[in-house]
Structure formats: C-alpha cells, structure tokens
Amino acid sequence: MADIEQLFDTLLSLQKQKRLPPLEQWQPAKRGQVDIRIDREGRWFHEGDEIKRQPLIDLFATLLRKEGGDYFLVTPVEQMQITVEDSPFVVVDMDVRGQGESADVLFTTNVGDYVLADTAHEIFMIGDTPYFFVRDGLMARIRRSVFYRMVDAGIQQNGALWIYSQGTGFNLGSLT
C-alpha cells in the first residue's frame, strides 16, 4: 500500500513542477489557421503527416487554448486555429488510492499530465463515452481500457455506478 502512496505523491509533485504558460494573459494580434489536426486517438498531424516527436506534442499541448468550440495554439505573438476531432487529450492510465467514497483517482494523459479527479476536474459521460476535464475547459476522452478499470473501482448506488475521488462522486451510468 505504501507503493501507491509514494506513486501518487511522486506524480502529483511532477505535475506541480510542470509550468504552463500564462495563455489567459496572451491576446496576440496575429491570428490565423494552421493545418494541425488532433484525431480521436490523440494523435497530432501536420499537413496530413503524423507528428512523431512526443516532446513537440507535449509542448504544443501546453500552448492549447479553447475558445467557444474552437481550439487554438497560442503564443505571445500569434494565435492559430487547429482542428480537434473529438477531444484534444486522451486519458491513457489511471491510479486509484483508497476505495469506495474515500478513493482518489489520478489520471495520466497522452501528453504527460497527471491530474486528480475532483470538483474542478470532473469525470463525465457523453452518451456511453467517458471524458475528463484536464484544465481550462480542455477535456480528455478516457480510453476504454482505463474506463474498465474505473468500473472495477466503482461502487453501485441507487441503480448507477459511481466512482469517487477527493470526496466527489462521479456517475458512470445506469446499471439497468
């Protein structure tokens, strides 16, 4: 049990050390579009070719902002609209500390974010697809394999399956 505690602490410490740029302060005059697309699986493409360099994807992800239903890569000097097919991020792993209503759920995204589910980072369903708010209105689709692990960690209440994190319950859907 001490191993999961240490893992949680290590991952949360790494996330706190990750410095995100102050996108909300940047309002560049130069605006346009760039042929960058994020597909449903979280893969990034430029002019039709997949971007294979993970450090570059991780950097771009820190520059991502959502305005209305549109996504932009933002720097202090330019804001370029990109295409996102579903959600910009994908939850690729999950760790659970505790159980039942006392559990904490820590998600890992495809761009190296480690985020605890809580009131500011909600788990929710759109149809039968699970999602998670990562930051600033940006969400991640939760991979099916991770969702199955959530189901295993969930508890049945009033005909529905719930998972708890940081004292907040998230409804994963009806059991009927």
C-alpha atoms as a PDB file:
ATOM      1  CA  MET A   1       0.000   0.000   0.000  1.00  0.00           C
ATOM      2  CA  ALA A   2       2.915   2.355   0.633  1.00  0.00           C
ATOM      3  CA  ASP A   3       3.929   1.989  -3.033  1.00  0.00           C
ATOM      4  CA  ILE A   4       0.681   3.537  -4.310  1.00  0.00           C
ATOM      5  CA  GLU A   5       1.016   6.373  -1.790  1.00  0.00           C
ATOM      6  CA  GLN A   6       4.553   7.068  -2.997  1.00  0.00           C
ATOM      7  CA  LEU A   7       3.459   6.863  -6.654  1.00  0.00           C
ATOM      8  CA  PHE A   8       0.620   9.330  -6.071  1.00  0.00           C
ATOM      9  CA  ASP A   9       2.926  11.744  -4.289  1.00  0.00           C
ATOM     10  CA  THR A  10       5.587  11.475  -6.994  1.00  0.00           C
ATOM     11  CA  LEU A  11       3.155  12.017  -9.867  1.00  0.00           C
ATOM     12  CA  LEU A  12       1.442  14.946  -8.165  1.00  0.00           C
ATOM     13  CA  SER A  13       4.834  16.501  -7.476  1.00  0.00           C
ATOM     14  CA  LEU A  14       5.770  16.142 -11.144  1.00  0.00           C
ATOM     15  CA  GLN A  15       2.536  17.844 -12.182  1.00  0.00           C
ATOM     16  CA  LYS A  16       3.166  20.742  -9.785  1.00  0.00           C
ATOM     17  CA  GLN A  17       6.630  21.193 -11.312  1.00  0.00           C
ATOM     18  CA  LYS A  18       5.139  21.344 -14.808  1.00  0.00           C
ATOM     19  CA  ARG A  19       4.939  25.012 -15.643  1.00  0.00           C
ATOM     20  CA  LEU A  20       2.197  26.002 -18.044  1.00  0.00           C
ATOM     21  CA  PRO A  21       2.462  29.308 -19.901  1.00  0.00           C
ATOM     22  CA  PRO A  22       0.009  32.095 -18.950  1.00  0.00           C
ATOM     23  CA  LEU A  23      -2.232  31.586 -22.006  1.00  0.00           C
ATOM     24  CA  GLU A  24      -5.076  33.566 -20.429  1.00  0.00           C
ATOM     25  CA  GLN A  25      -2.825  36.658 -20.432  1.00  0.00           C
ATOM     26  CA  TRP A  26      -1.837  36.353 -24.082  1.00  0.00           C
ATOM     27  CA  GLN A  27      -4.083  38.142 -26.583  1.00  0.00           C
ATOM     28  CA  PRO A  28      -1.985  38.200 -29.769  1.00  0.00           C
ATOM     29  CA  ALA A  29      -2.996  40.430 -32.660  1.00  0.00           C
ATOM     30  CA  LYS A  30      -1.827  37.962 -35.311  1.00  0.00           C
ATOM     31  CA  ARG A  31      -4.471  35.295 -35.848  1.00  0.00           C
ATOM     32  CA  GLY A  32      -4.946  32.605 -38.433  1.00  0.00           C
ATOM     33  CA  GLN A  33      -5.151  28.880 -39.054  1.00  0.00           C
ATOM     34  CA  VAL A  34      -2.544  26.172 -39.286  1.00  0.00           C
ATOM     35  CA  ASP A  35      -3.015  22.703 -40.763  1.00  0.00           C
ATOM     36  CA  ILE A  36      -2.666  20.829 -37.471  1.00  0.00           C
ATOM     37  CA  ARG A  37      -5.230  18.214 -36.523  1.00  0.00           C
ATOM     38  CA  ILE A  38      -5.672  16.112 -33.389  1.00  0.00           C
ATOM     39  CA  ASP A  39      -7.545  12.897 -34.158  1.00  0.00           C
ATOM     40  CA  ARG A  40      -9.862  10.938 -31.864  1.00  0.00           C
ATOM     41  CA  GLU A  41      -6.950   8.852 -30.546  1.00  0.00           C
ATOM     42  CA  GLY A  42      -4.980  11.958 -29.510  1.00  0.00           C
ATOM     43  CA  ARG A  43      -2.516  11.732 -32.403  1.00  0.00           C
ATOM     44  CA  TRP A  44      -1.287  15.046 -33.800  1.00  0.00           C
ATOM     45  CA  PHE A  45      -0.919  15.643 -37.562  1.00  0.00           C
ATOM     46  CA  HIS A  46       0.657  18.497 -39.512  1.00  0.00           C
ATOM     47  CA  GLU A  47      -0.304  18.826 -43.187  1.00  0.00           C
ATOM     48  CA  GLY A  48      -1.531  15.224 -43.101  1.00  0.00           C
ATOM     49  CA  ASP A  49       1.639  13.700 -41.631  1.00  0.00           C
ATOM     50  CA  GLU A  50       1.638  12.389 -38.081  1.00  0.00           C
ATOM     51  CA  ILE A  51       3.883  14.275 -35.690  1.00  0.00           C
ATOM     52  CA  LYS A  52       6.006  11.559 -34.094  1.00  0.00           C
ATOM     53  CA  ARG A  53       8.139  13.627 -31.707  1.00  0.00           C
ATOM     54  CA  GLN A  54       6.423  13.334 -28.313  1.00  0.00           C
ATOM     55  CA  PRO A  55       8.318  16.291 -26.771  1.00  0.00           C
ATOM     56  CA  LEU A  56       6.966  18.511 -29.561  1.00  0.00           C
ATOM     57  CA  ILE A  57       3.404  17.266 -28.969  1.00  0.00           C
ATOM     58  CA  ASP A  58       3.814  17.829 -25.231  1.00  0.00           C
ATOM     59  CA  LEU A  59       4.985  21.394 -25.909  1.00  0.00           C
ATOM     60  CA  PHE A  60       2.101  22.122 -28.281  1.00  0.00           C
ATOM     61  CA  ALA A  61      -0.332  20.765 -25.671  1.00  0.00           C
ATOM     62  CA  THR A  62       0.843  23.421 -23.192  1.00  0.00           C
ATOM     63  CA  LEU A  63       0.005  26.105 -25.781  1.00  0.00           C
ATOM     64  CA  LEU A  64      -3.513  24.822 -26.435  1.00  0.00           C
ATOM     65  CA  ARG A  65      -6.496  27.024 -25.629  1.00  0.00           C
ATOM     66  CA  LYS A  66     -10.201  26.545 -26.255  1.00  0.00           C
ATOM     67  CA  GLU A  67     -12.472  29.469 -27.113  1.00  0.00           C
ATOM     68  CA  GLY A  68     -16.082  28.544 -27.629  1.00  0.00           C
ATOM     69  CA  GLY A  69     -15.964  25.367 -29.688  1.00  0.00           C
ATOM     70  CA  ASP A  70     -12.652  26.192 -31.369  1.00  0.00           C
ATOM     71  CA  TYR A  71      -9.095  25.227 -30.445  1.00  0.00           C
ATOM     72  CA  PHE A  72      -6.010  27.391 -30.837  1.00  0.00           C
ATOM     73  CA  LEU A  73      -2.263  27.157 -30.370  1.00  0.00           C
ATOM     74  CA  VAL A  74      -1.332  30.421 -28.659  1.00  0.00           C
ATOM     75  CA  THR A  75       1.969  32.234 -28.200  1.00  0.00           C
ATOM     76  CA  PRO A  76       2.535  35.843 -27.142  1.00  0.00           C
ATOM     77  CA  VAL A  77       2.659  36.867 -30.832  1.00  0.00           C
ATOM     78  CA  GLU A  78       0.145  34.640 -32.636  1.00  0.00           C
ATOM     79  CA  GLN A  79      -2.986  32.554 -32.183  1.00  0.00           C
ATOM     80  CA  MET A  80      -3.507  29.808 -34.755  1.00  0.00           C
ATOM     81  CA  GLN A  81      -6.684  27.747 -35.007  1.00  0.00           C
ATOM     82  CA  ILE A  82      -6.292  23.968 -35.279  1.00  0.00           C
ATOM     83  CA  THR A  83      -8.730  21.092 -35.792  1.00  0.00           C
ATOM     84  CA  VAL A  84      -9.652  18.726 -32.963  1.00  0.00           C
ATOM     85  CA  GLU A  85     -11.801  15.742 -33.963  1.00  0.00           C
ATOM     86  CA  ASP A  86     -13.118  14.843 -30.509  1.00  0.00           C
ATOM     87  CA  SER A  87     -11.091  15.990 -27.511  1.00  0.00           C
ATOM     88  CA  PRO A  88      -7.504  17.227 -27.532  1.00  0.00           C
ATOM     89  CA  PHE A  89      -6.267  14.752 -24.923  1.00  0.00           C
ATOM     90  CA  VAL A  90      -6.706  11.070 -24.108  1.00  0.00           C
ATOM     91  CA  VAL A  91      -6.527   9.508 -20.640  1.00  0.00           C
ATOM     92  CA  VAL A  92      -4.076   6.637 -21.061  1.00  0.00           C
ATOM     93  CA  ASP A  93      -3.672   5.448 -17.474  1.00  0.00           C
ATOM     94  CA  MET A  94      -5.248   5.663 -14.044  1.00  0.00           C
ATOM     95  CA  ASP A  95      -4.138   5.018 -10.491  1.00  0.00           C
ATOM     96  CA  VAL A  96      -6.508   4.692  -7.551  1.00  0.00           C
ATOM     97  CA  ARG A  97      -5.595   5.323  -3.937  1.00  0.00           C
ATOM     98  CA  GLY A  98      -8.119   4.134  -1.363  1.00  0.00           C
ATOM     99  CA  GLN A  99     -11.513   2.678  -2.165  1.00  0.00           C
ATOM    100  CA  GLY A 100     -15.196   3.494  -2.316  1.00  0.00           C
ATOM    101  CA  GLU A 101     -16.148   7.017  -1.281  1.00  0.00           C
ATOM    102  CA  SER A 102     -12.644   7.559   0.166  1.00  0.00           C
ATOM    103  CA  ALA A 103     -10.845   6.873  -3.122  1.00  0.00           C
ATOM    104  CA  ASP A 104      -8.679   9.256  -5.099  1.00  0.00           C
ATOM    105  CA  VAL A 105      -8.370   8.795  -8.863  1.00  0.00           C
ATOM    106  CA  LEU A 106      -5.263  10.068 -10.623  1.00  0.00           C
ATOM    107  CA  PHE A 107      -5.334  10.168 -14.418  1.00  0.00           C
ATOM    108  CA  THR A 108      -2.391  10.270 -16.819  1.00  0.00           C
ATOM    109  CA  THR A 109      -2.922  11.841 -20.246  1.00  0.00           C
ATOM    110  CA  ASN A 110      -1.179  11.183 -23.526  1.00  0.00           C
ATOM    111  CA  VAL A 111       0.714  14.491 -23.113  1.00  0.00           C
ATOM    112  CA  GLY A 112       2.147  13.737 -19.675  1.00  0.00           C
ATOM    113  CA  ASP A 113      -0.380  15.457 -17.432  1.00  0.00           C
ATOM    114  CA  TYR A 114      -1.146  13.858 -14.057  1.00  0.00           C
ATOM    115  CA  VAL A 115      -4.472  15.142 -12.760  1.00  0.00           C
ATOM    116  CA  LEU A 116      -6.589  14.145  -9.759  1.00  0.00           C
ATOM    117  CA  ALA A 117     -10.298  13.918 -10.413  1.00  0.00           C
ATOM    118  CA  ASP A 118     -12.134  16.425  -8.208  1.00  0.00           C
ATOM    119  CA  THR A 119     -14.756  19.173  -8.462  1.00  0.00           C
ATOM    120  CA  ALA A 120     -12.563  21.178 -10.862  1.00  0.00           C
ATOM    121  CA  HIS A 121     -11.531  18.101 -12.885  1.00  0.00           C
ATOM    122  CA  GLU A 122     -14.761  16.191 -13.368  1.00  0.00           C
ATOM    123  CA  ILE A 123     -15.370  12.781 -14.868  1.00  0.00           C
ATOM    124  CA  PHE A 124     -18.483  12.760 -17.046  1.00  0.00           C
ATOM    125  CA  MET A 125     -20.210  10.770 -19.746  1.00  0.00           C
ATOM    126  CA  ILE A 126     -21.327  11.897 -23.187  1.00  0.00           C
ATOM    127  CA  GLY A 127     -23.535   9.054 -24.334  1.00  0.00           C
ATOM    128  CA  ASP A 128     -21.535   5.957 -23.456  1.00  0.00           C
ATOM    129  CA  THR A 129     -18.138   7.658 -23.814  1.00  0.00           C
ATOM    130  CA  PRO A 130     -16.305   8.779 -20.657  1.00  0.00           C
ATOM    131  CA  TYR A 131     -14.458  12.116 -20.520  1.00  0.00           C
ATOM    132  CA  PHE A 132     -12.460  14.092 -18.007  1.00  0.00           C
ATOM    133  CA  PHE A 133     -11.753  17.837 -17.653  1.00  0.00           C
ATOM    134  CA  VAL A 134      -7.977  18.331 -17.619  1.00  0.00           C
ATOM    135  CA  ARG A 135      -7.631  22.123 -17.456  1.00  0.00           C
ATOM    136  CA  ASP A 136      -9.165  25.368 -18.670  1.00  0.00           C
ATOM    137  CA  GLY A 137     -12.105  23.732 -20.465  1.00  0.00           C
ATOM    138  CA  LEU A 138      -9.852  21.208 -22.219  1.00  0.00           C
ATOM    139  CA  MET A 139     -11.028  17.653 -21.859  1.00  0.00           C
ATOM    140  CA  ALA A 140      -9.684  14.178 -22.413  1.00  0.00           C
ATOM    141  CA  ARG A 141     -11.514  11.143 -23.711  1.00  0.00           C
ATOM    142  CA  ILE A 142     -10.928   8.259 -21.325  1.00  0.00           C
ATOM    143  CA  ARG A 143      -9.654   5.174 -23.136  1.00  0.00           C
ATOM    144  CA  ARG A 144     -11.918   2.169 -22.927  1.00  0.00           C
ATOM    145  CA  SER A 145      -9.266   0.113 -21.084  1.00  0.00           C
ATOM    146  CA  VAL A 146      -9.000   2.833 -18.423  1.00  0.00           C
ATOM    147  CA  PHE A 147     -12.795   3.049 -18.195  1.00  0.00           C
ATOM    148  CA  TYR A 148     -12.998  -0.689 -17.471  1.00  0.00           C
ATOM    149  CA  ARG A 149     -10.585  -0.160 -14.582  1.00  0.00           C
ATOM    150  CA  MET A 150     -12.801   2.704 -13.362  1.00  0.00           C
ATOM    151  CA  VAL A 151     -15.772   0.346 -13.445  1.00  0.00           C
ATOM    152  CA  ASP A 152     -13.823  -2.130 -11.297  1.00  0.00           C
ATOM    153  CA  ALA A 153     -13.049   0.660  -8.791  1.00  0.00           C
ATOM    154  CA  GLY A 154     -16.607   1.990  -8.837  1.00  0.00           C
ATOM    155  CA  ILE A 155     -19.440   1.334  -6.413  1.00  0.00           C
ATOM    156  CA  GLN A 156     -23.116   0.701  -7.027  1.00  0.00           C
ATOM    157  CA  GLN A 157     -25.525   3.290  -5.660  1.00  0.00           C
ATOM    158  CA  ASN A 158     -29.211   3.737  -6.470  1.00  0.00           C
ATOM    159  CA  GLY A 159     -29.071   1.734  -9.696  1.00  0.00           C
ATOM    160  CA  ALA A 160     -25.985   3.518 -11.048  1.00  0.00           C
ATOM    161  CA  LEU A 161     -22.235   3.029 -10.980  1.00  0.00           C
ATOM    162  CA  TRP A 162     -20.247   5.755  -9.235  1.00  0.00           C
ATOM    163  CA  ILE A 163     -16.568   6.429  -8.769  1.00  0.00           C
ATOM    164  CA  TYR A 164     -15.286   8.795  -6.099  1.00  0.00           C
ATOM    165  CA  SER A 165     -12.217  10.993  -5.968  1.00  0.00           C
ATOM    166  CA  GLN A 166     -11.338  13.720  -3.479  1.00  0.00           C
ATOM    167  CA  GLY A 167     -14.745  13.218  -1.845  1.00  0.00           C
ATOM    168  CA  THR A 168     -16.693  13.914  -5.048  1.00  0.00           C
ATOM    169  CA  GLY A 169     -18.864  11.282  -6.720  1.00  0.00           C
ATOM    170  CA  PHE A 170     -18.999  10.864 -10.500  1.00  0.00           C
ATOM    171  CA  ASN A 171     -21.861   8.958 -12.109  1.00  0.00           C
ATOM    172  CA  LEU A 172     -20.581   6.465 -14.703  1.00  0.00           C
ATOM    173  CA  GLY A 173     -24.044   5.437 -15.812  1.00  0.00           C
ATOM    174  CA  SER A 174     -27.071   3.354 -15.070  1.00  0.00           C
ATOM    175  CA  LEU A 175     -26.725  -0.315 -14.221  1.00  0.00           C
ATOM    176  CA  THR A 176     -30.099  -1.184 -15.750  1.00  0.00           C
END
